[in-house]
Amino acid sequence: MILRTFGWSFAVTAAGLAAAFLYDKGTGLALVAVLAILEISLSFDNAVVNAKVLDRMSPFWQKIFLTVGIAIAVFGMRLVFPLVIVGITAKLGPVEAFDLALNDQAAYKHAMESAYPMIAAFGGMFLLMLFLDFVFEERADKWLPWLEKPLARIGKLDQLSVVIAGGALALVASAWAAEPGNVMIAGVLGMVTYILVNGLGELFSEAGEDDDEERDEAADGPAPAAAGKGGPSALALATGKAGFFLFLYLEVLDASFSFDGVIGAFAISTDPIIIALGLGIGAMYIRSLTVFLVRKGTLHEYVYLEHGAHWAIGALAVCMLVSIGHHVPEWITGGLGAGLIIAAFVSSVVRNRNEDAGDAPGADKELHSTGV
């Protein structure tokens, strides 16, 4: 199971480390290893959320996510995206931007850092919308009931996520941004992207489920019982347009997570090849971890992991918005995410043990003997 799931990650790690050693025999190997660890630590919560969405996709679209998607994640977001940003910021063509990255890394780093407020606004607003939509939705399982219950109640107010996210963007842009107009535009584009991609995915997913129900009724056979709250039935798996939009949603989500890692990587190295190798290895492990979580049914077994991942996303969104005006160290971003997910995992283990104890033979007798 481990080798089948992580085999490609192990192979890419070996190839990436070998390439780093040949490219830079001095410090290349160590830098790539550190960058890979940085990417994994910053994006672990991404794997949990990805697994929840991937669980709703058909086997075909799961394969697309793990093949075409990984090419987009590794080469597109970790190598091409920084070059595009530098090209737009410095008004250079692709070839000139790549030449700048290889021959004038100080100018390349400066161009990336100059564009960071707009990158952070786009990614931060996309992730903030994702977090707010999660916490404002009524759920049977609540990890932090003292907080999630009132949030679910006020979440009944229509479009509250948009109101809060828009207010936060206006506050951050006016208070901290050197170019408030550009930050506002980037942030609004992040919100629009989330609303559009998420809405289209849900629209076509619901249409697909309606078609399945009609076919079942036409065949005079009852529809199979849906799986539990945490997972889809076989008929609910997204195919066709629904699968495509879920795939697109995952790619934009991965991009939003990768913004922070790409910019944070410049604190370790300014070499675009070293950055692409290190972050690419980390991205492979995140994809493999996503598949592992789906195949093991981990999110169904440890029900609070999804909650912890979304709270970690909320923390990352806040950190990205704050970083528009103030530097936020990577260890804070990664530490918050890892801490919230670990806490959610521990809470899930405790919950499962309590349920097992309640179902154990003699448990009812013991409760009656204690007067409960």
Protein backbone atom coordinates (compact mmCIF):
# COMPACT_ATOMS: atom_id res chain seq x y z
CA MET A 1 0.00 0.00 0.00
CA ILE A 2 2.76 2.45 0.98
CA LEU A 3 4.95 1.61 -2.00
CA ARG A 4 2.03 1.68 -4.44
CA THR A 5 0.84 5.05 -3.15
CA PHE A 6 4.18 6.78 -2.53
CA GLY A 7 6.26 4.95 -5.17
CA TRP A 8 6.25 7.84 -7.64
CA SER A 9 7.09 10.28 -4.85
CA PHE A 10 10.10 8.17 -3.85
CA ALA A 11 11.22 8.00 -7.49
CA VAL A 12 10.81 11.76 -8.01
CA THR A 13 12.70 12.41 -4.77
CA ALA A 14 15.65 10.31 -5.92
CA ALA A 15 15.66 11.93 -9.37
CA GLY A 16 15.23 15.43 -7.94
CA LEU A 17 18.02 15.05 -5.39
CA ALA A 18 20.33 13.62 -8.07
CA ALA A 19 19.52 16.52 -10.39
CA ALA A 20 20.15 19.00 -7.55
CA PHE A 21 23.55 17.44 -6.84
CA LEU A 22 24.56 17.57 -10.51
CA TYR A 23 23.24 21.13 -10.89
CA ASP A 24 24.96 22.48 -7.77
CA LYS A 25 27.47 20.14 -6.15
CA GLY A 26 27.95 22.58 -3.29
CA THR A 27 24.65 23.20 -1.53
CA GLY A 28 22.06 22.06 -4.10
CA LEU A 29 21.26 18.76 -2.40
CA ALA A 30 20.69 20.31 1.04
CA LEU A 31 18.65 23.24 -0.29
CA VAL A 32 16.31 20.99 -2.29
CA ALA A 33 15.76 18.76 0.74
CA VAL A 34 14.92 21.76 2.95
CA LEU A 35 12.54 23.20 0.34
CA ALA A 36 10.76 19.84 -0.01
CA ILE A 37 10.21 19.69 3.76
CA LEU A 38 8.99 23.32 3.73
CA GLU A 39 6.44 22.54 1.00
CA ILE A 40 5.13 19.45 2.82
CA SER A 41 4.80 21.27 6.15
CA LEU A 42 2.98 24.24 4.57
CA SER A 43 0.65 22.12 2.43
CA PHE A 44 -0.33 19.20 4.68
CA ASP A 45 -3.75 20.75 5.25
CA ASN A 46 -4.06 21.00 1.47
CA ALA A 47 -3.81 17.20 1.25
CA VAL A 48 -6.68 16.75 3.71
CA VAL A 49 -8.98 19.13 1.83
CA ASN A 50 -7.92 17.67 -1.53
CA ALA A 51 -8.79 14.19 -0.27
CA LYS A 52 -12.29 15.31 0.68
CA VAL A 53 -12.89 16.66 -2.83
CA LEU A 54 -11.08 13.79 -4.59
CA ASP A 55 -13.36 11.33 -2.77
CA ARG A 56 -16.29 12.83 -4.72
CA MET A 57 -14.64 12.36 -8.13
CA SER A 58 -14.94 9.39 -10.47
CA PRO A 59 -11.88 7.12 -10.96
CA PHE A 60 -11.23 8.77 -14.34
CA TRP A 61 -11.03 12.28 -12.89
CA GLN A 62 -8.99 11.02 -9.96
CA LYS A 63 -6.42 9.74 -12.46
CA ILE A 64 -6.50 13.06 -14.31
CA PHE A 65 -5.82 14.88 -11.03
CA LEU A 66 -2.88 12.58 -10.29
CA THR A 67 -1.34 12.79 -13.78
CA VAL A 68 -2.19 16.03 -15.57
CA GLY A 69 -2.77 17.73 -12.22
CA ILE A 70 0.67 16.88 -10.88
CA ALA A 71 2.30 18.24 -14.05
CA ILE A 72 0.41 21.51 -13.54
CA ALA A 73 1.33 21.59 -9.85
CA VAL A 74 5.03 20.80 -10.25
CA PHE A 75 5.95 22.55 -13.50
CA GLY A 76 3.17 25.09 -13.81
CA MET A 77 2.94 26.50 -10.29
CA ARG A 78 6.50 25.89 -9.06
CA LEU A 79 8.46 26.87 -12.18
CA VAL A 80 6.32 28.63 -14.81
CA PHE A 81 4.12 30.67 -12.45
CA PRO A 82 7.01 32.62 -10.82
CA LEU A 83 8.41 33.36 -14.28
CA VAL A 84 5.01 34.64 -15.47
CA ILE A 85 4.69 36.87 -12.39
CA VAL A 86 8.17 38.28 -12.91
CA GLY A 87 7.48 38.80 -16.61
CA ILE A 88 4.27 40.73 -15.90
CA THR A 89 5.79 42.77 -13.08
CA ALA A 90 9.00 43.64 -14.93
CA LYS A 91 7.27 43.83 -18.34
CA LEU A 92 9.49 41.11 -19.78
CA GLY A 93 8.86 38.27 -22.21
CA PRO A 94 9.08 34.61 -21.07
CA VAL A 95 12.62 34.17 -22.39
CA GLU A 96 13.84 37.41 -20.80
CA ALA A 97 12.19 36.47 -17.48
CA PHE A 98 13.89 33.05 -17.50
CA ASP A 99 17.23 34.67 -18.35
CA LEU A 100 16.74 37.12 -15.47
CA ALA A 101 15.98 34.22 -13.10
CA LEU A 102 19.19 32.42 -14.04
CA ASN A 103 21.57 35.36 -14.38
CA ASP A 104 20.27 38.06 -12.03
CA GLN A 105 18.64 36.28 -9.12
CA ALA A 106 18.62 39.38 -6.93
CA ALA A 107 16.45 41.25 -9.46
CA TYR A 108 14.30 38.13 -9.92
CA LYS A 109 13.71 37.89 -6.16
CA HIS A 110 12.90 41.60 -5.96
CA ALA A 111 10.33 41.30 -8.76
CA MET A 112 8.63 38.37 -7.01
CA GLU A 113 8.55 40.18 -3.69
CA SER A 114 7.12 43.30 -5.36
CA ALA A 115 4.27 41.22 -6.77
CA TYR A 116 3.64 39.38 -3.50
CA PRO A 117 0.91 41.69 -2.12
CA MET A 118 -1.28 40.96 -5.16
CA ILE A 119 -0.46 37.23 -5.04
CA ALA A 120 -1.25 37.12 -1.32
CA ALA A 121 -4.52 39.00 -1.84
CA PHE A 122 -5.71 36.58 -4.53
CA GLY A 123 -4.69 33.42 -2.68
CA GLY A 124 -5.71 34.73 0.74
CA MET A 125 -9.22 35.65 -0.41
CA PHE A 126 -9.74 32.33 -2.20
CA LEU A 127 -8.74 30.40 0.93
CA LEU A 128 -10.70 32.71 3.23
CA MET A 129 -13.87 32.11 1.20
CA LEU A 130 -13.28 28.37 1.41
CA PHE A 131 -12.85 28.55 5.20
CA LEU A 132 -15.86 30.79 5.78
CA ASP A 133 -18.17 28.63 3.66
CA PHE A 134 -17.11 25.63 5.75
CA VAL A 135 -17.59 27.13 9.21
CA PHE A 136 -20.89 28.83 8.31
CA GLU A 137 -22.44 25.54 7.17
CA GLU A 138 -24.50 23.42 9.58
CA ARG A 139 -22.80 20.06 10.20
CA ALA A 140 -23.75 16.99 12.20
CA ASP A 141 -20.20 16.58 13.55
CA LYS A 142 -18.67 19.56 15.33
CA TRP A 143 -15.07 19.63 16.46
CA LEU A 144 -15.34 22.89 18.42
CA PRO A 145 -19.08 23.04 19.26
CA TRP A 146 -18.72 26.11 21.47
CA LEU A 147 -17.50 28.02 18.39
CA GLU A 148 -18.91 26.10 15.42
CA LYS A 149 -22.53 26.14 16.65
CA PRO A 150 -22.85 29.97 16.81
CA LEU A 151 -20.96 30.29 13.51
CA ALA A 152 -23.41 27.88 11.86
CA ARG A 153 -26.34 29.89 13.24
CA ILE A 154 -25.12 33.23 11.91
CA GLY A 155 -24.13 31.50 8.69
CA LYS A 156 -27.82 31.24 7.81
CA LEU A 157 -27.56 34.88 6.75
CA ASP A 158 -27.28 34.72 2.97
CA GLN A 159 -23.88 35.61 1.44
CA LEU A 160 -22.30 36.25 4.85
CA SER A 161 -19.01 34.77 3.59
CA VAL A 162 -18.84 37.36 0.82
CA VAL A 163 -19.65 40.20 3.24
CA ILE A 164 -16.94 39.23 5.75
CA ALA A 165 -14.31 38.43 3.11
CA GLY A 166 -15.00 41.68 1.26
CA GLY A 167 -14.78 43.69 4.48
CA ALA A 168 -11.49 42.04 5.42
CA LEU A 169 -10.05 42.76 1.97
CA ALA A 170 -11.06 46.43 2.12
CA LEU A 171 -9.55 46.77 5.61
CA VAL A 172 -6.26 45.12 4.69
CA ALA A 173 -5.89 46.99 1.38
CA SER A 174 -6.57 50.39 2.93
CA ALA A 175 -4.45 49.84 6.03
CA TRP A 176 -1.36 48.04 4.75
CA ALA A 177 -1.13 47.88 0.95
CA ALA A 178 1.30 50.20 -0.81
CA GLU A 179 -0.93 49.95 -3.89
CA PRO A 180 -4.47 49.49 -2.51
CA GLY A 181 -6.10 49.45 -5.95
CA ASN A 182 -4.02 46.53 -7.24
CA VAL A 183 -4.52 44.56 -4.00
CA MET A 184 -8.28 45.15 -4.13
CA ILE A 185 -8.46 43.95 -7.74
CA ALA A 186 -6.41 40.83 -6.99
CA GLY A 187 -8.48 40.05 -3.89
CA VAL A 188 -11.79 40.47 -5.71
CA LEU A 189 -10.51 38.18 -8.48
CA GLY A 190 -9.70 35.58 -5.82
CA MET A 191 -13.24 35.79 -4.45
CA VAL A 192 -14.79 35.65 -7.93
CA THR A 193 -12.65 32.65 -8.87
CA TYR A 194 -13.75 30.76 -5.77
CA ILE A 195 -17.44 31.56 -6.24
CA LEU A 196 -17.35 30.69 -9.95
CA VAL A 197 -15.39 27.43 -9.80
CA ASN A 198 -17.05 26.16 -6.63
CA GLY A 199 -20.50 27.11 -7.89
CA LEU A 200 -20.04 25.44 -11.27
CA GLY A 201 -18.75 22.27 -9.60
CA GLU A 202 -21.79 22.08 -7.33
CA LEU A 203 -24.17 22.90 -10.20
CA PHE A 204 -22.99 20.10 -12.47
CA SER A 205 -22.61 17.69 -9.55
CA GLU A 206 -26.27 18.20 -8.60
CA ALA A 207 -27.32 17.87 -12.24
CA GLY A 208 -25.45 14.58 -12.49
CA GLU A 209 -27.12 13.23 -9.35
CA ASP A 210 -30.57 14.23 -10.72
CA ASP A 211 -29.86 12.34 -13.95
CA ASP A 212 -28.85 9.25 -11.97
CA GLU A 213 -32.07 9.38 -9.94
CA GLU A 214 -34.15 9.67 -13.12
CA ARG A 215 -32.43 6.63 -14.61
CA ASP A 216 -33.07 4.65 -11.43
CA GLU A 217 -36.75 5.59 -11.48
CA ALA A 218 -37.05 4.67 -15.15
CA ALA A 219 -35.57 1.25 -14.41
CA ASP A 220 -38.15 0.77 -11.61
CA GLY A 221 -35.35 0.10 -9.18
CA PRO A 222 -34.66 1.90 -5.94
CA ALA A 223 -31.60 4.12 -5.84
CA PRO A 224 -28.75 2.70 -3.76
CA ALA A 225 -28.57 4.12 -0.29
CA ALA A 226 -26.19 7.04 -0.05
CA ALA A 227 -23.07 6.67 1.96
CA GLY A 228 -22.68 8.35 5.30
CA LYS A 229 -22.47 12.09 5.68
CA GLY A 230 -18.72 11.98 5.19
CA GLY A 231 -18.63 10.25 1.79
CA PRO A 232 -20.43 10.00 -1.52
CA SER A 233 -22.40 7.11 -2.90
CA ALA A 234 -21.30 5.47 -6.12
CA LEU A 235 -23.86 7.54 -8.02
CA ALA A 236 -22.70 10.76 -6.39
CA LEU A 237 -19.19 10.46 -7.84
CA ALA A 238 -18.62 13.44 -10.11
CA THR A 239 -18.19 12.64 -13.78
CA GLY A 240 -18.23 14.67 -16.99
CA LYS A 241 -18.58 18.41 -16.46
CA ALA A 242 -18.93 18.00 -12.68
CA GLY A 243 -15.65 16.10 -12.55
CA PHE A 244 -13.97 18.71 -14.73
CA PHE A 245 -15.02 21.59 -12.50
CA LEU A 246 -13.99 19.71 -9.36
CA PHE A 247 -10.62 19.11 -11.03
CA LEU A 248 -10.39 22.82 -11.87
CA TYR A 249 -11.38 23.68 -8.29
CA LEU A 250 -8.59 21.46 -6.95
CA GLU A 251 -6.03 23.05 -9.24
CA VAL A 252 -6.97 26.58 -8.15
CA LEU A 253 -6.97 25.41 -4.52
CA ASP A 254 -3.50 23.92 -4.95
CA ALA A 255 -2.34 27.14 -6.59
CA SER A 256 -3.62 29.20 -3.66
CA PHE A 257 -1.73 26.98 -1.24
CA SER A 258 1.43 27.07 -3.33
CA PHE A 259 1.66 30.90 -3.42
CA ASP A 260 2.95 31.01 0.13
CA GLY A 261 5.45 28.24 -0.45
CA VAL A 262 6.80 29.75 -3.68
CA ILE A 263 7.40 33.13 -2.05
CA GLY A 264 8.70 31.61 1.18
CA ALA A 265 11.20 29.57 -0.81
CA PHE A 266 13.12 32.75 -1.65
CA ALA A 267 14.20 32.91 1.99
CA ILE A 268 16.12 29.67 1.33
CA SER A 269 17.24 30.04 -2.29
CA THR A 270 16.73 32.45 -5.17
CA ASP A 271 17.69 29.90 -7.83
CA PRO A 272 14.54 29.01 -9.83
CA ILE A 273 15.83 25.52 -10.66
CA ILE A 274 16.54 24.69 -7.01
CA ILE A 275 13.15 26.10 -5.98
CA ALA A 276 11.31 24.10 -8.66
CA LEU A 277 13.09 20.87 -7.70
CA GLY A 278 12.47 21.26 -3.96
CA LEU A 279 8.86 22.40 -4.16
CA GLY A 280 8.14 19.86 -6.89
CA ILE A 281 9.28 17.00 -4.65
CA GLY A 282 7.11 18.35 -1.84
CA ALA A 283 4.12 18.66 -4.19
CA MET A 284 4.51 15.00 -5.19
CA TYR A 285 4.30 13.91 -1.55
CA ILE A 286 1.19 16.04 -1.01
CA ARG A 287 -0.48 14.32 -3.98
CA SER A 288 0.54 10.88 -2.72
CA LEU A 289 -0.72 11.74 0.76
CA THR A 290 -4.03 12.84 -0.78
CA VAL A 291 -4.42 9.44 -2.47
CA PHE A 292 -3.44 7.65 0.74
CA LEU A 293 -6.13 9.48 2.72
CA VAL A 294 -8.76 8.59 0.11
CA ARG A 295 -7.81 4.92 -0.19
CA LYS A 296 -7.56 4.39 3.56
CA GLY A 297 -10.82 6.22 4.25
CA THR A 298 -8.99 8.28 6.85
CA LEU A 299 -11.37 11.23 6.68
CA HIS A 300 -14.33 8.97 7.41
CA GLU A 301 -12.54 7.32 10.32
CA TYR A 302 -11.10 10.51 11.83
CA VAL A 303 -14.02 12.87 11.29
CA TYR A 304 -12.43 15.97 12.81
CA LEU A 305 -9.47 15.99 10.39
CA GLU A 306 -11.54 17.88 7.85
CA HIS A 307 -12.44 20.47 10.49
CA GLY A 308 -8.82 20.88 11.53
CA ALA A 309 -7.72 21.28 7.91
CA HIS A 310 -10.27 24.03 7.28
CA TRP A 311 -9.31 25.87 10.45
CA ALA A 312 -5.70 25.60 9.25
CA ILE A 313 -6.81 27.05 5.91
CA GLY A 314 -8.42 29.93 7.77
CA ALA A 315 -5.18 30.52 9.66
CA LEU A 316 -3.19 30.43 6.39
CA ALA A 317 -5.62 32.90 4.77
CA VAL A 318 -5.21 35.32 7.68
CA CYS A 319 -1.42 34.96 7.53
CA MET A 320 -1.42 35.70 3.80
CA LEU A 321 -3.56 38.81 4.25
CA VAL A 322 -1.43 40.03 7.17
CA SER A 323 1.72 39.42 5.10
CA ILE A 324 0.55 42.10 2.65
CA GLY A 325 1.75 44.63 5.21
CA HIS A 326 3.90 42.63 7.63
CA HIS A 327 6.26 39.71 7.17
CA VAL A 328 4.93 36.47 8.65
CA PRO A 329 7.67 33.85 9.21
CA GLU A 330 7.11 30.51 7.47
CA TRP A 331 7.42 28.61 10.76
CA ILE A 332 4.35 30.41 12.08
CA THR A 333 2.30 29.54 8.99
CA GLY A 334 3.44 25.92 8.94
CA GLY A 335 3.26 25.56 12.73
CA LEU A 336 -0.32 26.80 12.94
CA GLY A 337 -1.48 24.45 10.21
CA ALA A 338 0.32 21.41 11.60
CA GLY A 339 -0.81 22.17 15.17
CA LEU A 340 -4.48 22.46 14.21
CA ILE A 341 -4.43 19.24 12.20
CA ILE A 342 -2.65 17.33 14.98
CA ALA A 343 -5.19 18.62 17.51
CA ALA A 344 -8.05 17.54 15.22
CA PHE A 345 -6.50 14.10 14.79
CA VAL A 346 -6.12 13.62 18.54
CA SER A 347 -9.72 14.75 19.08
CA SER A 348 -10.86 12.22 16.46
CA VAL A 349 -8.97 9.41 18.20
CA VAL A 350 -10.55 10.32 21.56
CA ARG A 351 -14.00 10.46 19.94
CA ASN A 352 -13.55 7.03 18.35
CA ARG A 353 -12.40 5.49 21.64
CA ASN A 354 -15.36 6.97 23.50
CA GLU A 355 -17.74 5.57 20.88
CA ASP A 356 -16.07 2.15 21.06
CA ALA A 357 -16.35 2.19 24.86
CA GLY A 358 -20.05 3.09 24.59
CA ASP A 359 -20.66 0.19 22.19
CA ALA A 360 -18.70 -2.31 24.29
CA PRO A 361 -20.68 -5.19 25.95
CA GLY A 362 -21.80 -4.22 29.44
CA ALA A 363 -21.52 -0.50 28.75
CA ASP A 364 -25.28 0.07 29.21
CA LYS A 365 -25.25 -1.97 32.39
CA GLU A 366 -22.40 0.12 33.76
CA LEU A 367 -24.25 3.35 32.92
CA HIS A 368 -27.38 2.16 34.75
CA SER A 369 -25.34 1.09 37.77
CA THR A 370 -23.93 4.59 38.05
CA GLY A 371 -27.39 6.12 37.92
CA VAL A 372 -27.01 7.67 34.42
